[in-house]
Structures are given as structure tokens and as C-alpha cells.
Amino acid sequence: MAEGQRRAHILVIPYPAQGHMLPLLDLASLLSDRFRLVVTVAVTQGNLHLLSPLLSRSPAVSPLVLSFPDNSSLPQGLENTMFLSPPQFGLLYHALGDLHGPILRWARAHPDPPDAVLSDLFVGWTARLAAELGVPRLVFSPSGAFALAVMNSLWRRMPQRSDVDDPNELVAFPSLPGSPVFRWCELSTLWRSYKRGDPVSEFIREGMLANLGSWGLLVTM
């Protein structure tokens, strides 16, 4: 990069679960240190401490600290999955969607607005955010490509089981390599909790389907 040349600015939006957030922060560090990008990481106040190792070693990374949405149905102060029970994960997914407005306002007012959005697959609402900013959105998945393909197939096809009382009923994925088959109880808990017509469930499905239309995809190996 020539001296004085503008460095591309990436807005990173993680999902606040350690298994999702930490590998994405490692990627943010790589983008900053090796590829010389300016990186902003959007994070709620309750998760800011998780950025400390990244901020200390990567001076071109800065936090965008946001207040957790007031209208959340979650108890106050619970902003990370480590403090939640699995049935509450969907509520966290839904609550984070209310960060759309504050992030959009920040980006539009920033003197050096982001050139791209890199966000976790569990914040699919950021696809609309990127579209409103007129920049590409890249999806980050901490799971491998095969696991992601299974998940994407579930949200597209929405398979139903014939016996709702049988957790071992088999679900086939004929469109995937090897035509794998899984027991119902082995499928994504978030997906199995879907309830048609429920606002939280429909918001989650909309976000997962939005991932499929994003500009690019990054998966861990």
C-alpha cells in the first residue's frame, strides 16, 4: 500500500457467543495486521471486555460500543449466550436486530464510512444494513462448510416430521453431497425451536435466508 493511500474500512458485527465471537475477532485482527485494513467492531457494552486482547495488539481496530436494546425480552445485563439458557438464544438473536438503527446512523455520520460489512451468520439482519449503506456484506460462519450447508438447507426447505413425538425420526438431505441423513434430535436447536407465525421465529428465519443472498461467505476450516 502506497504511503498516504486510504485504507479500506471493514465493519465487523459478531454474535455474542464465545464460539462465534472469538474466531471472528481473530479474523478481524488478521485483516488489520496482515492486510492493513481499518476495522471497527460493533459490540454491546456487556461484551466490550472480550475485545481487550484484540484492541491491545491491533491498533487499527476500534470498537463501536452500543447500548443493548432497551426493549429486549431478556433480563437486563444478559448480553451473551454464556449467561443464557438455550431457549433464550432466539430472544438474543431477535434483540440484536434493534442495533440496526444505531449502527446505520453511526455509519452514515462517520467521516470514513465502512466499505464492507463482515458479520456472523446469526446476525442475518445485517444484510439489509449493508444494502442500505450500499456496501457488500460477507457472512462469517464458525462452523465448517458442511455444517453450514445443512443449516441452510433446513431454513430453505423447512422439513416436517411425520411423528411429532419421535425425536429419532430421520431427516434426509438429498441435495447435499453424500445425501446425508440425520435424526431429528441431531438437528439445530435454533431451527427446531421455530414456530410458524411467531415474530421471533420469523425474524430468525428471515435473517438466515438473508445470509444466502450475501456477497460472500467465510467459513472456518
C-alpha atoms as a PDB file:
ATOM      1  CA  MET A   1       0.000   0.000   0.000  1.00  0.00           C
ATOM      2  CA  ALA A   2       1.434   3.352  -1.019  1.00  0.00           C
ATOM      3  CA  GLU A   3       2.101   5.850   1.717  1.00  0.00           C
ATOM      4  CA  GLY A   4      -0.889   8.108   2.248  1.00  0.00           C
ATOM      5  CA  GLN A   5      -3.269   5.783   0.390  1.00  0.00           C
ATOM      6  CA  ARG A   6      -6.625   5.319   2.102  1.00  0.00           C
ATOM      7  CA  ARG A   7      -7.049   2.001   3.877  1.00  0.00           C
ATOM      8  CA  ALA A   8     -10.301   0.101   3.345  1.00  0.00           C
ATOM      9  CA  HIS A   9     -12.654   0.175   6.334  1.00  0.00           C
ATOM     10  CA  ILE A  10     -14.448  -3.009   7.441  1.00  0.00           C
ATOM     11  CA  LEU A  11     -17.314  -3.051   9.924  1.00  0.00           C
ATOM     12  CA  VAL A  12     -17.326  -6.328  11.874  1.00  0.00           C
ATOM     13  CA  ILE A  13     -20.506  -7.378  13.686  1.00  0.00           C
ATOM     14  CA  PRO A  14     -20.130 -10.519  15.805  1.00  0.00           C
ATOM     15  CA  TYR A  15     -22.737 -12.656  17.521  1.00  0.00           C
ATOM     16  CA  PRO A  16     -22.123 -12.597  21.293  1.00  0.00           C
ATOM     17  CA  ALA A  17     -21.320 -16.246  21.880  1.00  0.00           C
ATOM     18  CA  GLN A  18     -17.724 -17.217  22.576  1.00  0.00           C
ATOM     19  CA  GLY A  19     -17.664 -19.909  19.888  1.00  0.00           C
ATOM     20  CA  HIS A  20     -18.807 -17.339  17.335  1.00  0.00           C
ATOM     21  CA  MET A  21     -17.218 -14.155  18.605  1.00  0.00           C
ATOM     22  CA  LEU A  22     -13.637 -15.218  19.345  1.00  0.00           C
ATOM     23  CA  PRO A  23     -12.808 -16.674  15.909  1.00  0.00           C
ATOM     24  CA  LEU A  24     -14.329 -13.625  14.230  1.00  0.00           C
ATOM     25  CA  LEU A  25     -12.202 -11.352  16.391  1.00  0.00           C
ATOM     26  CA  ASP A  26      -9.137 -13.369  15.393  1.00  0.00           C
ATOM     27  CA  LEU A  27     -10.106 -12.764  11.774  1.00  0.00           C
ATOM     28  CA  ALA A  28     -10.533  -9.054  12.490  1.00  0.00           C
ATOM     29  CA  SER A  29      -7.000  -8.984  13.879  1.00  0.00           C
ATOM     30  CA  LEU A  30      -5.707 -10.724  10.747  1.00  0.00           C
ATOM     31  CA  LEU A  31      -7.478  -8.260   8.469  1.00  0.00           C
ATOM     32  CA  SER A  32      -5.994  -5.358  10.386  1.00  0.00           C
ATOM     33  CA  ASP A  33      -2.446  -6.599  10.908  1.00  0.00           C
ATOM     34  CA  ARG A  34      -1.716  -8.561   7.746  1.00  0.00           C
ATOM     35  CA  PHE A  35      -3.951  -6.869   5.192  1.00  0.00           C
ATOM     36  CA  ARG A  36      -3.725  -3.367   6.655  1.00  0.00           C
ATOM     37  CA  LEU A  37      -7.455  -2.753   6.825  1.00  0.00           C
ATOM     38  CA  VAL A  38      -9.146  -0.364   9.210  1.00  0.00           C
ATOM     39  CA  VAL A  39     -11.534  -2.443  11.313  1.00  0.00           C
ATOM     40  CA  THR A  40     -14.412  -1.355  13.522  1.00  0.00           C
ATOM     41  CA  VAL A  41     -16.046  -3.987  15.729  1.00  0.00           C
ATOM     42  CA  ALA A  42     -19.616  -3.343  16.860  1.00  0.00           C
ATOM     43  CA  VAL A  43     -20.161  -4.641  20.368  1.00  0.00           C
ATOM     44  CA  THR A  44     -22.590  -4.048  23.213  1.00  0.00           C
ATOM     45  CA  GLN A  45     -21.307  -2.657  26.485  1.00  0.00           C
ATOM     46  CA  GLY A  46     -21.615  -6.003  28.242  1.00  0.00           C
ATOM     47  CA  ASN A  47     -19.305  -7.676  25.722  1.00  0.00           C
ATOM     48  CA  LEU A  48     -16.700  -4.933  25.391  1.00  0.00           C
ATOM     49  CA  HIS A  49     -14.269  -6.723  27.708  1.00  0.00           C
ATOM     50  CA  LEU A  50     -13.981  -9.551  25.166  1.00  0.00           C
ATOM     51  CA  LEU A  51     -12.316  -7.128  22.760  1.00  0.00           C
ATOM     52  CA  SER A  52      -9.461  -6.239  25.132  1.00  0.00           C
ATOM     53  CA  PRO A  53      -6.896  -8.733  23.718  1.00  0.00           C
ATOM     54  CA  LEU A  54      -7.731  -7.662  20.156  1.00  0.00           C
ATOM     55  CA  LEU A  55      -7.545  -3.938  20.858  1.00  0.00           C
ATOM     56  CA  SER A  56      -4.246  -4.257  22.691  1.00  0.00           C
ATOM     57  CA  ARG A  57      -2.474  -5.985  19.790  1.00  0.00           C
ATOM     58  CA  SER A  58      -4.197  -4.366  16.814  1.00  0.00           C
ATOM     59  CA  PRO A  59      -4.125  -0.535  16.992  1.00  0.00           C
ATOM     60  CA  ALA A  60      -6.064  -0.159  13.719  1.00  0.00           C
ATOM     61  CA  VAL A  61      -9.066  -1.916  15.288  1.00  0.00           C
ATOM     62  CA  SER A  62     -11.538   0.236  17.169  1.00  0.00           C
ATOM     63  CA  PRO A  63     -14.760  -0.634  18.991  1.00  0.00           C
ATOM     64  CA  LEU A  64     -18.196   0.723  18.249  1.00  0.00           C
ATOM     65  CA  VAL A  65     -19.775   0.388  21.686  1.00  0.00           C
ATOM     66  CA  LEU A  66     -23.563   0.154  21.668  1.00  0.00           C
ATOM     67  CA  SER A  67     -26.160   0.001  24.398  1.00  0.00           C
ATOM     68  CA  PHE A  68     -28.056  -3.265  24.477  1.00  0.00           C
ATOM     69  CA  PRO A  69     -31.614  -2.677  23.189  1.00  0.00           C
ATOM     70  CA  ASP A  70     -33.950  -1.454  25.917  1.00  0.00           C
ATOM     71  CA  ASN A  71     -36.974  -3.294  24.575  1.00  0.00           C
ATOM     72  CA  SER A  72     -35.345  -6.708  24.842  1.00  0.00           C
ATOM     73  CA  SER A  73     -37.373  -9.511  26.400  1.00  0.00           C
ATOM     74  CA  LEU A  74     -34.182 -10.725  28.065  1.00  0.00           C
ATOM     75  CA  PRO A  75     -33.307  -9.873  31.663  1.00  0.00           C
ATOM     76  CA  GLN A  76     -31.182  -6.749  31.955  1.00  0.00           C
ATOM     77  CA  GLY A  77     -27.453  -7.371  31.722  1.00  0.00           C
ATOM     78  CA  LEU A  78     -27.684 -10.683  29.871  1.00  0.00           C
ATOM     79  CA  GLU A  79     -25.942  -9.873  26.590  1.00  0.00           C
ATOM     80  CA  ASN A  80     -24.019 -13.069  25.867  1.00  0.00           C
ATOM     81  CA  THR A  81     -25.123 -16.664  25.367  1.00  0.00           C
ATOM     82  CA  MET A  82     -22.855 -17.825  28.189  1.00  0.00           C
ATOM     83  CA  PHE A  83     -25.418 -16.368  30.608  1.00  0.00           C
ATOM     84  CA  LEU A  84     -28.483 -17.704  28.786  1.00  0.00           C
ATOM     85  CA  SER A  85     -30.296 -20.989  28.551  1.00  0.00           C
ATOM     86  CA  PRO A  86     -30.724 -22.468  25.045  1.00  0.00           C
ATOM     87  CA  PRO A  87     -34.422 -21.439  24.836  1.00  0.00           C
ATOM     88  CA  GLN A  88     -33.279 -17.817  25.241  1.00  0.00           C
ATOM     89  CA  PHE A  89     -30.823 -17.874  22.329  1.00  0.00           C
ATOM     90  CA  GLY A  90     -33.555 -16.943  19.873  1.00  0.00           C
ATOM     91  CA  LEU A  91     -34.523 -13.979  22.059  1.00  0.00           C
ATOM     92  CA  LEU A  92     -30.934 -12.731  21.929  1.00  0.00           C
ATOM     93  CA  TYR A  93     -30.873 -13.156  18.140  1.00  0.00           C
ATOM     94  CA  HIS A  94     -34.067 -11.112  17.869  1.00  0.00           C
ATOM     95  CA  ALA A  95     -32.984  -8.419  20.350  1.00  0.00           C
ATOM     96  CA  LEU A  96     -29.758  -7.733  18.485  1.00  0.00           C
ATOM     97  CA  GLY A  97     -31.802  -6.752  15.443  1.00  0.00           C
ATOM     98  CA  ASP A  98     -32.630  -3.495  17.213  1.00  0.00           C
ATOM     99  CA  LEU A  99     -28.998  -2.462  16.822  1.00  0.00           C
ATOM    100  CA  HIS A 100     -29.694  -1.914  13.121  1.00  0.00           C
ATOM    101  CA  GLY A 101     -30.778   1.711  13.591  1.00  0.00           C
ATOM    102  CA  PRO A 102     -27.884   2.838  15.828  1.00  0.00           C
ATOM    103  CA  ILE A 103     -25.298   1.194  13.568  1.00  0.00           C
ATOM    104  CA  LEU A 104     -26.852   2.697  10.454  1.00  0.00           C
ATOM    105  CA  ARG A 105     -26.822   6.181  11.975  1.00  0.00           C
ATOM    106  CA  TRP A 106     -23.196   5.758  13.081  1.00  0.00           C
ATOM    107  CA  ALA A 107     -22.097   4.630   9.614  1.00  0.00           C
ATOM    108  CA  ARG A 108     -23.887   7.442   7.807  1.00  0.00           C
ATOM    109  CA  ALA A 109     -22.363  10.050  10.105  1.00  0.00           C
ATOM    110  CA  HIS A 110     -18.841   8.609  10.069  1.00  0.00           C
ATOM    111  CA  PRO A 111     -16.218  10.605   8.153  1.00  0.00           C
ATOM    112  CA  ASP A 112     -14.782   7.326   6.837  1.00  0.00           C
ATOM    113  CA  PRO A 113     -17.810   5.005   6.478  1.00  0.00           C
ATOM    114  CA  PRO A 114     -17.282   1.254   6.097  1.00  0.00           C
ATOM    115  CA  ASP A 115     -16.584  -0.219   2.691  1.00  0.00           C
ATOM    116  CA  ALA A 116     -17.997  -3.619   3.671  1.00  0.00           C
ATOM    117  CA  VAL A 117     -19.808  -5.388   6.487  1.00  0.00           C
ATOM    118  CA  LEU A 118     -18.419  -8.658   7.845  1.00  0.00           C
ATOM    119  CA  SER A 119     -20.921 -10.236  10.206  1.00  0.00           C
ATOM    120  CA  ASP A 120     -21.764 -13.510  11.881  1.00  0.00           C
ATOM    121  CA  LEU A 121     -24.360 -15.789  10.307  1.00  0.00           C
ATOM    122  CA  PHE A 122     -26.561 -15.279  13.391  1.00  0.00           C
ATOM    123  CA  VAL A 123     -26.921 -11.559  12.672  1.00  0.00           C
ATOM    124  CA  GLY A 124     -28.505 -12.005   9.260  1.00  0.00           C
ATOM    125  CA  TRP A 125     -30.365  -8.714   9.641  1.00  0.00           C
ATOM    126  CA  THR A 126     -27.074  -7.030   8.758  1.00  0.00           C
ATOM    127  CA  ALA A 127     -27.707  -7.959   5.126  1.00  0.00           C
ATOM    128  CA  ARG A 128     -30.302  -5.179   4.997  1.00  0.00           C
ATOM    129  CA  LEU A 129     -27.931  -2.860   6.857  1.00  0.00           C
ATOM    130  CA  ALA A 130     -25.236  -3.407   4.238  1.00  0.00           C
ATOM    131  CA  ALA A 131     -27.739  -2.894   1.437  1.00  0.00           C
ATOM    132  CA  GLU A 132     -28.835   0.429   2.938  1.00  0.00           C
ATOM    133  CA  LEU A 133     -25.195   1.508   3.143  1.00  0.00           C
ATOM    134  CA  GLY A 134     -24.581   0.371  -0.420  1.00  0.00           C
ATOM    135  CA  VAL A 135     -21.694  -1.924   0.541  1.00  0.00           C
ATOM    136  CA  PRO A 136     -21.158  -5.702   0.276  1.00  0.00           C
ATOM    137  CA  ARG A 137     -21.884  -7.978   3.205  1.00  0.00           C
ATOM    138  CA  LEU A 138     -19.810 -11.056   3.962  1.00  0.00           C
ATOM    139  CA  VAL A 139     -21.127 -13.829   6.215  1.00  0.00           C
ATOM    140  CA  PHE A 140     -18.826 -15.400   8.791  1.00  0.00           C
ATOM    141  CA  SER A 141     -19.526 -18.929   9.990  1.00  0.00           C
ATOM    142  CA  PRO A 142     -17.513 -20.510  12.818  1.00  0.00           C
ATOM    143  CA  SER A 143     -18.793 -23.891  11.629  1.00  0.00           C
ATOM    144  CA  GLY A 144     -17.388 -25.707   8.632  1.00  0.00           C
ATOM    145  CA  ALA A 145     -18.911 -25.570   5.173  1.00  0.00           C
ATOM    146  CA  PHE A 146     -20.783 -28.869   5.522  1.00  0.00           C
ATOM    147  CA  ALA A 147     -22.483 -27.896   8.783  1.00  0.00           C
ATOM    148  CA  LEU A 148     -23.453 -24.583   7.242  1.00  0.00           C
ATOM    149  CA  ALA A 149     -24.862 -26.331   4.174  1.00  0.00           C
ATOM    150  CA  VAL A 150     -27.060 -28.491   6.424  1.00  0.00           C
ATOM    151  CA  MET A 151     -28.292 -25.432   8.286  1.00  0.00           C
ATOM    152  CA  ASN A 152     -29.015 -23.506   5.101  1.00  0.00           C
ATOM    153  CA  SER A 153     -30.938 -26.487   3.733  1.00  0.00           C
ATOM    154  CA  LEU A 154     -33.064 -26.638   6.875  1.00  0.00           C
ATOM    155  CA  TRP A 155     -34.079 -22.993   6.713  1.00  0.00           C
ATOM    156  CA  ARG A 156     -34.824 -23.176   2.987  1.00  0.00           C
ATOM    157  CA  ARG A 157     -36.776 -26.448   2.977  1.00  0.00           C
ATOM    158  CA  MET A 158     -38.299 -26.401   6.490  1.00  0.00           C
ATOM    159  CA  PRO A 159     -38.750 -30.211   6.567  1.00  0.00           C
ATOM    160  CA  GLN A 160     -41.521 -31.589   8.769  1.00  0.00           C
ATOM    161  CA  ARG A 161     -41.561 -34.873  10.659  1.00  0.00           C
ATOM    162  CA  SER A 162     -44.481 -37.233  10.350  1.00  0.00           C
ATOM    163  CA  ASP A 163     -44.453 -38.174  14.054  1.00  0.00           C
ATOM    164  CA  VAL A 164     -44.035 -35.123  16.292  1.00  0.00           C
ATOM    165  CA  ASP A 165     -43.370 -37.392  19.277  1.00  0.00           C
ATOM    166  CA  ASP A 166     -40.440 -39.212  17.690  1.00  0.00           C
ATOM    167  CA  PRO A 167     -37.120 -37.395  18.293  1.00  0.00           C
ATOM    168  CA  ASN A 168     -35.297 -40.060  16.295  1.00  0.00           C
ATOM    169  CA  GLU A 169     -37.212 -39.606  13.058  1.00  0.00           C
ATOM    170  CA  LEU A 170     -34.801 -39.375  10.156  1.00  0.00           C
ATOM    171  CA  VAL A 171     -34.428 -36.264   8.009  1.00  0.00           C
ATOM    172  CA  ALA A 172     -32.717 -36.652   4.638  1.00  0.00           C
ATOM    173  CA  PHE A 173     -30.689 -34.044   2.783  1.00  0.00           C
ATOM    174  CA  PRO A 174     -30.649 -35.356  -0.801  1.00  0.00           C
ATOM    175  CA  SER A 175     -29.314 -32.103  -2.249  1.00  0.00           C
ATOM    176  CA  LEU A 176     -26.085 -32.272  -0.210  1.00  0.00           C
ATOM    177  CA  PRO A 177     -23.007 -34.314  -1.134  1.00  0.00           C
ATOM    178  CA  GLY A 178     -23.430 -37.894   0.010  1.00  0.00           C
ATOM    179  CA  SER A 179     -27.158 -37.409   0.705  1.00  0.00           C
ATOM    180  CA  PRO A 180     -26.688 -37.407   4.492  1.00  0.00           C
ATOM    181  CA  VAL A 181     -29.433 -38.397   6.917  1.00  0.00           C
ATOM    182  CA  PHE A 182     -29.750 -37.120  10.492  1.00  0.00           C
ATOM    183  CA  ARG A 183     -32.060 -37.824  13.382  1.00  0.00           C
ATOM    184  CA  TRP A 184     -34.459 -35.005  14.225  1.00  0.00           C
ATOM    185  CA  CYS A 185     -32.854 -34.542  17.644  1.00  0.00           C
ATOM    186  CA  GLU A 186     -29.455 -34.022  15.989  1.00  0.00           C
ATOM    187  CA  LEU A 187     -30.592 -31.001  14.020  1.00  0.00           C
ATOM    188  CA  SER A 188     -30.046 -27.361  15.009  1.00  0.00           C
ATOM    189  CA  THR A 189     -31.757 -26.471  18.279  1.00  0.00           C
ATOM    190  CA  LEU A 190     -32.417 -22.966  16.991  1.00  0.00           C
ATOM    191  CA  TRP A 191     -34.087 -24.378  13.896  1.00  0.00           C
ATOM    192  CA  ARG A 192     -36.129 -26.950  15.854  1.00  0.00           C
ATOM    193  CA  SER A 193     -37.490 -24.166  18.064  1.00  0.00           C
ATOM    194  CA  TYR A 194     -39.053 -22.405  15.053  1.00  0.00           C
ATOM    195  CA  LYS A 195     -42.781 -21.668  15.406  1.00  0.00           C
ATOM    196  CA  ARG A 196     -44.613 -20.565  12.298  1.00  0.00           C
ATOM    197  CA  GLY A 197     -46.079 -17.073  12.698  1.00  0.00           C
ATOM    198  CA  ASP A 198     -44.121 -16.289  15.857  1.00  0.00           C
ATOM    199  CA  PRO A 199     -42.381 -12.895  15.409  1.00  0.00           C
ATOM    200  CA  VAL A 200     -39.090 -14.059  16.901  1.00  0.00           C
ATOM    201  CA  SER A 201     -39.050 -17.254  14.830  1.00  0.00           C
ATOM    202  CA  GLU A 202     -39.913 -15.446  11.620  1.00  0.00           C
ATOM    203  CA  PHE A 203     -37.232 -12.828  12.262  1.00  0.00           C
ATOM    204  CA  ILE A 204     -34.661 -15.583  12.724  1.00  0.00           C
ATOM    205  CA  ARG A 205     -35.685 -17.377   9.543  1.00  0.00           C
ATOM    206  CA  GLU A 206     -35.632 -14.130   7.563  1.00  0.00           C
ATOM    207  CA  GLY A 207     -32.089 -13.484   8.763  1.00  0.00           C
ATOM    208  CA  MET A 208     -30.887 -16.991   7.982  1.00  0.00           C
ATOM    209  CA  LEU A 209     -32.316 -16.794   4.470  1.00  0.00           C
ATOM    210  CA  ALA A 210     -30.749 -13.351   4.014  1.00  0.00           C
ATOM    211  CA  ASN A 211     -27.357 -14.982   4.520  1.00  0.00           C
ATOM    212  CA  LEU A 212     -27.849 -16.860   1.256  1.00  0.00           C
ATOM    213  CA  GLY A 213     -28.020 -13.621  -0.717  1.00  0.00           C
ATOM    214  CA  SER A 214     -24.914 -12.050   0.750  1.00  0.00           C
ATOM    215  CA  TRP A 215     -21.922 -11.060  -1.356  1.00  0.00           C
ATOM    216  CA  GLY A 216     -19.538 -13.601   0.157  1.00  0.00           C
ATOM    217  CA  LEU A 217     -19.034 -16.288   2.788  1.00  0.00           C
ATOM    218  CA  LEU A 218     -16.136 -17.055   5.117  1.00  0.00           C
ATOM    219  CA  VAL A 219     -16.024 -20.358   6.992  1.00  0.00           C
ATOM    220  CA  THR A 220     -13.542 -21.835   9.442  1.00  0.00           C
ATOM    221  CA  MET A 221     -11.725 -24.982   8.451  1.00  0.00           C
END
